[in-house]
C-alpha cells in the first residue's frame, strides 16, 4: 500500500516566511533607531568619555564630602575647569599669534620689501606688471 503524501516544507513555507518578515521588520526598526540616534552620537560619545574620566574624581570627592549633591556639583565644577582652562589658554595664545601676524603683515605691506621679494620670482613679475 502506498504511503500517504505529506506536505513537504518548501523553501518559502509559512514559518520561514514569517521568520523572514520578522527579520526584515527588525532590521528596519534597528535602522530607523540608528537614524534617530545618529545626530546625537557625538554628544553621547563625549558624555561617555567625560563620565569615564570624571568618575574617579567624583569618587574621590564623595569620600571627602558627606553630601551627594555638593560632591556632584563640585565634580561638575572641577571637570568644567579642566576643560575650560586649557581652551581659554589656547584661545589666548592664538589671539596673540594672530595679532603678531597682522602686525607683521602690515609692516611688510607698508614697506617695499614685499615688492622686491616678488620681483625676484619670475611668475610674480607677470602679475605685478
N, C-alpha and C. Protein backbone atom coordinates (compact mmCIF):
# COMPACT_ATOMS: atom_id res chain seq x y z
N UNK A 1 0.82 -1.16 0.00
CA UNK A 1 0.00 0.00 0.00
C UNK A 1 0.88 1.25 0.00
N UNK A 2 0.60 2.16 -0.88
CA UNK A 2 1.44 3.36 -0.93
C UNK A 2 1.20 4.25 0.29
N UNK A 3 2.27 4.88 0.70
CA UNK A 3 2.17 5.77 1.88
C UNK A 3 1.51 7.08 1.47
N UNK A 4 0.73 7.65 2.40
CA UNK A 4 0.07 8.92 2.05
C UNK A 4 1.10 10.03 1.90
N UNK A 5 0.83 10.91 0.99
CA UNK A 5 1.73 12.05 0.75
C UNK A 5 1.57 13.08 1.85
N UNK A 6 2.69 13.58 2.33
CA UNK A 6 2.66 14.66 3.31
C UNK A 6 3.15 15.92 2.63
N UNK A 7 2.68 17.02 3.12
CA UNK A 7 3.10 18.30 2.53
C UNK A 7 4.57 18.53 2.85
N UNK A 8 5.35 18.66 1.84
CA UNK A 8 6.78 18.90 2.05
C UNK A 8 7.00 20.38 2.33
N UNK A 9 7.92 20.65 3.22
CA UNK A 9 8.25 22.04 3.55
C UNK A 9 9.13 22.59 2.44
N UNK A 10 8.63 23.56 1.75
CA UNK A 10 9.38 24.18 0.68
C UNK A 10 10.32 25.24 1.22
N UNK A 11 10.99 25.90 0.33
CA UNK A 11 11.91 26.95 0.72
C UNK A 11 11.16 28.09 1.38
N UNK A 12 9.99 28.41 0.88
CA UNK A 12 9.20 29.51 1.42
C UNK A 12 7.95 28.99 2.12
N UNK A 13 8.14 28.14 3.09
CA UNK A 13 7.00 27.66 3.85
C UNK A 13 6.50 28.78 4.76
N UNK A 14 5.36 28.62 5.35
CA UNK A 14 4.75 29.65 6.18
C UNK A 14 5.64 30.04 7.36
N UNK A 15 6.20 29.12 8.13
CA UNK A 15 7.07 29.54 9.24
C UNK A 15 8.32 30.28 8.78
N UNK A 16 8.89 29.85 7.67
CA UNK A 16 10.08 30.55 7.16
C UNK A 16 9.72 31.95 6.67
N UNK A 17 8.59 32.07 6.02
CA UNK A 17 8.16 33.39 5.54
C UNK A 17 7.91 34.32 6.73
N UNK A 18 7.30 33.83 7.77
CA UNK A 18 7.08 34.64 8.97
C UNK A 18 8.42 35.06 9.58
N UNK A 19 9.36 34.16 9.60
CA UNK A 19 10.69 34.48 10.15
C UNK A 19 11.37 35.56 9.30
N UNK A 20 11.27 35.46 7.97
CA UNK A 20 11.88 36.47 7.10
C UNK A 20 11.22 37.84 7.29
N UNK A 21 9.89 37.85 7.38
CA UNK A 21 9.18 39.12 7.58
C UNK A 21 9.56 39.73 8.92
N UNK A 22 9.62 38.90 9.97
CA UNK A 22 10.01 39.38 11.28
C UNK A 22 11.45 39.89 11.28
N UNK A 23 12.33 39.19 10.60
CA UNK A 23 13.72 39.62 10.50
C UNK A 23 13.83 40.95 9.74
N UNK A 24 13.07 41.09 8.66
CA UNK A 24 13.06 42.34 7.90
C UNK A 24 12.52 43.50 8.71
N UNK A 25 11.42 43.25 9.46
CA UNK A 25 10.84 44.31 10.30
C UNK A 25 11.82 44.72 11.41
N UNK A 26 12.52 43.74 11.97
CA UNK A 26 13.52 44.04 13.00
C UNK A 26 14.66 44.86 12.41
N UNK A 27 15.14 44.48 11.24
CA UNK A 27 16.23 45.23 10.59
C UNK A 27 15.78 46.65 10.28
N UNK A 28 14.55 46.81 9.80
CA UNK A 28 14.03 48.14 9.51
C UNK A 28 13.92 48.96 10.79
N UNK A 29 13.43 48.36 11.86
CA UNK A 29 13.33 49.05 13.14
C UNK A 29 14.68 49.47 13.67
N UNK A 30 15.69 48.60 13.58
CA UNK A 30 17.04 48.95 14.02
C UNK A 30 17.62 50.07 13.18
N UNK A 31 17.38 50.04 11.88
CA UNK A 31 17.88 51.10 11.02
C UNK A 31 17.24 52.45 11.37
N UNK A 32 15.93 52.44 11.62
CA UNK A 32 15.24 53.68 11.99
C UNK A 32 15.72 54.20 13.35
N UNK A 33 15.97 53.30 14.27
CA UNK A 33 16.52 53.72 15.56
C UNK A 33 17.91 54.34 15.38
N UNK A 34 18.72 53.73 14.53
CA UNK A 34 20.05 54.29 14.25
C UNK A 34 19.93 55.69 13.65
N UNK A 35 19.02 55.85 12.69
CA UNK A 35 18.83 57.17 12.08
C UNK A 35 18.35 58.20 13.09
N UNK A 36 17.58 57.78 14.07
CA UNK A 36 17.08 58.67 15.11
C UNK A 36 18.20 59.10 16.06
N UNK A 37 19.10 58.19 16.38
CA UNK A 37 20.15 58.45 17.35
C UNK A 37 21.39 59.07 16.68
N UNK A 38 21.56 58.89 15.40
CA UNK A 38 22.78 59.32 14.69
C UNK A 38 23.18 60.77 14.96
N UNK A 39 22.28 61.76 14.95
CA UNK A 39 22.72 63.13 15.21
C UNK A 39 23.27 63.34 16.63
N UNK A 40 22.90 62.47 17.55
CA UNK A 40 23.32 62.63 18.94
C UNK A 40 24.55 61.81 19.30
N UNK A 41 25.09 61.03 18.38
CA UNK A 41 26.23 60.17 18.68
C UNK A 41 27.47 60.94 19.14
N UNK A 42 27.83 62.08 18.52
CA UNK A 42 29.00 62.80 19.04
C UNK A 42 28.81 63.28 20.49
N UNK A 43 27.64 63.80 20.80
CA UNK A 43 27.39 64.25 22.17
C UNK A 43 27.39 63.08 23.15
N UNK A 44 26.81 61.96 22.74
CA UNK A 44 26.82 60.79 23.60
C UNK A 44 28.23 60.26 23.81
N UNK A 45 29.06 60.31 22.77
CA UNK A 45 30.45 59.86 22.89
C UNK A 45 31.22 60.75 23.85
N UNK A 46 31.05 62.06 23.71
CA UNK A 46 31.73 62.98 24.63
C UNK A 46 31.23 62.79 26.05
N UNK A 47 29.94 62.58 26.22
CA UNK A 47 29.40 62.34 27.55
C UNK A 47 29.97 61.08 28.18
N UNK A 48 30.10 60.03 27.37
CA UNK A 48 30.68 58.79 27.88
C UNK A 48 32.14 58.99 28.26
N UNK A 49 32.89 59.71 27.41
CA UNK A 49 34.30 59.97 27.71
C UNK A 49 34.44 60.79 28.99
N UNK A 50 33.61 61.82 29.15
CA UNK A 50 33.67 62.63 30.37
C UNK A 50 33.26 61.83 31.59
N UNK A 51 32.32 60.94 31.43
CA UNK A 51 31.91 60.11 32.56
C UNK A 51 33.04 59.17 32.99
N UNK A 52 33.73 58.60 32.01
CA UNK A 52 34.84 57.70 32.33
C UNK A 52 35.98 58.47 33.00
N UNK A 53 36.27 59.65 32.49
CA UNK A 53 37.35 60.46 33.07
C UNK A 53 36.94 61.03 34.42
N UNK A 54 35.70 61.44 34.56
CA UNK A 54 35.26 62.11 35.77
C UNK A 54 34.88 61.20 36.92
N UNK A 55 34.67 59.92 36.66
CA UNK A 55 34.23 59.02 37.73
C UNK A 55 35.26 58.91 38.86
N UNK A 56 36.54 58.73 38.59
CA UNK A 56 37.50 58.68 39.71
C UNK A 56 37.53 59.98 40.51
N UNK A 57 37.40 61.10 39.84
CA UNK A 57 37.36 62.39 40.54
C UNK A 57 36.13 62.45 41.44
N UNK A 58 35.00 62.01 40.90
CA UNK A 58 33.76 62.02 41.67
C UNK A 58 33.87 61.11 42.90
N UNK A 59 34.43 59.92 42.72
CA UNK A 59 34.60 59.01 43.86
C UNK A 59 35.51 59.63 44.92
N UNK A 60 36.56 60.29 44.50
CA UNK A 60 37.48 60.94 45.44
C UNK A 60 36.75 62.02 46.23
N UNK A 61 35.97 62.83 45.53
CA UNK A 61 35.24 63.91 46.20
C UNK A 61 34.15 63.34 47.11
N UNK A 62 33.49 62.27 46.68
CA UNK A 62 32.43 61.66 47.50
C UNK A 62 32.99 61.12 48.82
N UNK A 63 34.22 60.61 48.81
CA UNK A 63 34.82 60.12 50.05
C UNK A 63 35.12 61.25 51.02
N UNK A 64 35.34 62.45 50.47
CA UNK A 64 35.69 63.59 51.33
C UNK A 64 34.48 64.36 51.84
N UNK A 65 33.41 64.38 51.06
CA UNK A 65 32.22 65.16 51.43
C UNK A 65 31.05 64.23 51.75
N UNK A 66 30.30 64.53 52.79
CA UNK A 66 29.17 63.65 53.13
C UNK A 66 27.92 63.90 52.29
N UNK A 67 27.83 65.03 51.61
CA UNK A 67 26.62 65.38 50.86
C UNK A 67 26.78 65.03 49.38
N UNK A 68 25.86 64.20 48.88
CA UNK A 68 25.95 63.76 47.48
C UNK A 68 25.76 64.90 46.50
N UNK A 69 24.83 65.80 46.78
CA UNK A 69 24.56 66.91 45.87
C UNK A 69 25.76 67.84 45.79
N UNK A 70 26.35 68.14 46.92
CA UNK A 70 27.52 69.01 46.94
C UNK A 70 28.70 68.37 46.23
N UNK A 71 28.89 67.08 46.43
CA UNK A 71 30.01 66.40 45.76
C UNK A 71 29.77 66.33 44.25
N UNK A 72 28.53 66.15 43.81
CA UNK A 72 28.23 66.13 42.38
C UNK A 72 28.47 67.51 41.77
N UNK A 73 28.04 68.57 42.47
CA UNK A 73 28.25 69.93 41.97
C UNK A 73 29.74 70.25 41.90
N UNK A 74 30.48 69.85 42.91
CA UNK A 74 31.93 70.10 42.91
C UNK A 74 32.62 69.31 41.80
N UNK A 75 32.16 68.11 41.55
CA UNK A 75 32.73 67.31 40.45
C UNK A 75 32.49 68.00 39.11
N UNK A 76 31.28 68.51 38.91
CA UNK A 76 30.97 69.21 37.66
C UNK A 76 31.85 70.44 37.51
N UNK A 77 32.04 71.18 38.59
CA UNK A 77 32.90 72.37 38.53
C UNK A 77 34.35 72.01 38.22
N UNK A 78 34.85 70.94 38.83
CA UNK A 78 36.24 70.51 38.57
C UNK A 78 36.40 70.08 37.12
N UNK A 79 35.46 69.27 36.61
CA UNK A 79 35.54 68.82 35.22
C UNK A 79 35.43 70.01 34.27
N UNK A 80 34.53 70.94 34.56
CA UNK A 80 34.38 72.13 33.71
C UNK A 80 35.66 72.95 33.72
N UNK A 81 36.29 73.08 34.88
CA UNK A 81 37.54 73.83 34.96
C UNK A 81 38.64 73.12 34.18
N UNK A 82 38.66 71.80 34.24
CA UNK A 82 39.67 71.04 33.49
C UNK A 82 39.50 71.18 31.99
N UNK A 83 38.30 71.50 31.55
CA UNK A 83 38.04 71.68 30.12
C UNK A 83 38.21 73.14 29.72
N UNK A 84 37.68 74.04 30.50
CA UNK A 84 37.63 75.46 30.12
C UNK A 84 39.00 76.13 30.22
N UNK A 85 39.78 75.82 31.25
CA UNK A 85 41.08 76.49 31.42
C UNK A 85 42.00 76.26 30.23
N UNK A 86 42.20 75.03 29.74
CA UNK A 86 43.06 74.87 28.55
C UNK A 86 42.50 75.56 27.31
N UNK A 87 41.17 75.55 27.15
CA UNK A 87 40.57 76.22 25.99
C UNK A 87 40.85 77.71 26.03
N UNK A 88 40.71 78.31 27.21
CA UNK A 88 40.98 79.75 27.35
C UNK A 88 42.45 80.03 27.07
N UNK A 89 43.34 79.20 27.58
CA UNK A 89 44.78 79.39 27.35
C UNK A 89 45.12 79.30 25.87
N UNK A 90 44.62 78.28 25.21
CA UNK A 90 44.91 78.10 23.77
C UNK A 90 44.32 79.25 22.97
N UNK A 91 43.11 79.68 23.29
CA UNK A 91 42.49 80.80 22.58
C UNK A 91 43.30 82.07 22.78
N UNK A 92 43.78 82.30 23.98
CA UNK A 92 44.61 83.48 24.25
C UNK A 92 45.89 83.43 23.42
N UNK A 93 46.52 82.28 23.35
CA UNK A 93 47.75 82.16 22.57
C UNK A 93 47.48 82.36 21.07
N UNK A 94 46.37 81.82 20.58
CA UNK A 94 46.02 82.01 19.18
C UNK A 94 45.76 83.48 18.86
N UNK A 95 45.09 84.17 19.75
CA UNK A 95 44.83 85.59 19.53
C UNK A 95 46.13 86.40 19.54
N UNK A 96 47.04 86.05 20.43
CA UNK A 96 48.33 86.74 20.47
C UNK A 96 49.11 86.51 19.18
N UNK A 97 49.12 85.27 18.73
CA UNK A 97 49.81 84.95 17.47
C UNK A 97 49.17 85.66 16.29
N UNK A 98 47.85 85.72 16.27
CA UNK A 98 47.15 86.39 15.17
C UNK A 98 47.46 87.88 15.18
N UNK A 99 47.52 88.49 16.36
CA UNK A 99 47.84 89.91 16.45
C UNK A 99 49.25 90.17 15.94
N UNK A 100 50.19 89.32 16.33
CA UNK A 100 51.57 89.47 15.83
C UNK A 100 51.63 89.29 14.32
N UNK A 101 50.87 88.32 13.79
CA UNK A 101 50.88 88.09 12.35
C UNK A 101 50.30 89.28 11.59
N UNK A 102 49.25 89.88 12.12
CA UNK A 102 48.66 91.06 11.47
C UNK A 102 49.65 92.22 11.50
N UNK A 103 50.32 92.41 12.63
CA UNK A 103 51.33 93.47 12.72
C UNK A 103 52.47 93.25 11.73
N UNK A 104 52.92 92.01 11.61
CA UNK A 104 53.98 91.69 10.67
C UNK A 104 53.52 91.92 9.23
N UNK A 105 52.29 91.53 8.92
CA UNK A 105 51.77 91.73 7.56
C UNK A 105 51.63 93.20 7.24
N UNK A 106 51.16 94.01 8.19
CA UNK A 106 51.03 95.45 7.96
C UNK A 106 52.40 96.09 7.74
N UNK A 107 53.36 95.64 8.50
CA UNK A 107 54.72 96.16 8.35
C UNK A 107 55.31 95.79 7.00
N UNK A 108 55.05 94.55 6.58
CA UNK A 108 55.58 94.10 5.29
C UNK A 108 54.90 94.82 4.14
N UNK A 109 53.61 95.09 4.26
CA UNK A 109 52.88 95.77 3.18
C UNK A 109 53.27 97.24 3.11
N UNK A 110 53.44 97.88 4.27
CA UNK A 110 53.78 99.30 4.25
C UNK A 110 55.20 99.54 3.71
N UNK A 111 56.08 98.58 3.91
CA UNK A 111 57.43 98.71 3.35
C UNK A 111 57.44 98.24 1.91
N UNK A 112 58.58 98.31 1.31
CA UNK A 112 58.70 97.91 -0.10
C UNK A 112 59.37 96.55 -0.24
N UNK A 113 59.60 95.88 0.86
CA UNK A 113 60.32 94.60 0.80
C UNK A 113 59.51 93.52 0.10
N UNK A 114 58.20 93.55 0.20
CA UNK A 114 57.40 92.52 -0.45
C UNK A 114 57.48 92.64 -1.97
N UNK A 115 57.55 93.89 -2.47
CA UNK A 115 57.65 94.08 -3.91
C UNK A 115 59.00 93.59 -4.42
N UNK A 116 60.06 93.84 -3.66
CA UNK A 116 61.39 93.37 -4.07
C UNK A 116 61.44 91.84 -4.07
N UNK A 117 60.83 91.22 -3.05
CA UNK A 117 60.81 89.75 -3.00
C UNK A 117 59.97 89.18 -4.13
N UNK A 118 58.87 89.84 -4.48
CA UNK A 118 58.01 89.35 -5.55
C UNK A 118 58.66 89.51 -6.91
N UNK A 119 59.44 90.55 -7.09
CA UNK A 119 60.09 90.77 -8.38
C UNK A 119 61.19 89.75 -8.63
N UNK A 120 61.69 89.10 -7.60
CA UNK A 120 62.71 88.06 -7.78
C UNK A 120 62.10 86.78 -8.34
N UNK A 121 60.80 86.61 -8.22
CA UNK A 121 60.12 85.42 -8.72
C UNK A 121 59.60 85.67 -10.12
N UNK A 122 59.93 84.82 -11.09
CA UNK A 122 59.50 85.05 -12.46
C UNK A 122 57.98 85.03 -12.64
N UNK A 123 57.29 84.16 -11.92
CA UNK A 123 55.83 84.09 -12.07
C UNK A 123 55.16 85.32 -11.48
N UNK A 124 55.74 85.89 -10.44
CA UNK A 124 55.14 87.04 -9.81
C UNK A 124 55.37 88.31 -10.61
N UNK A 125 56.43 88.36 -11.42
CA UNK A 125 56.70 89.56 -12.23
C UNK A 125 55.56 89.84 -13.21
N UNK A 126 54.98 88.79 -13.77
CA UNK A 126 53.88 88.97 -14.71
C UNK A 126 52.65 89.53 -14.01
N UNK A 127 52.43 89.16 -12.78
CA UNK A 127 51.26 89.65 -12.04
C UNK A 127 51.47 91.12 -11.64
N UNK A 128 52.67 91.47 -11.26
CA UNK A 128 52.94 92.83 -10.83
C UNK A 128 52.96 93.82 -11.97
N UNK A 129 53.25 93.35 -13.16
CA UNK A 129 53.37 94.27 -14.30
C UNK A 129 52.05 94.77 -14.80
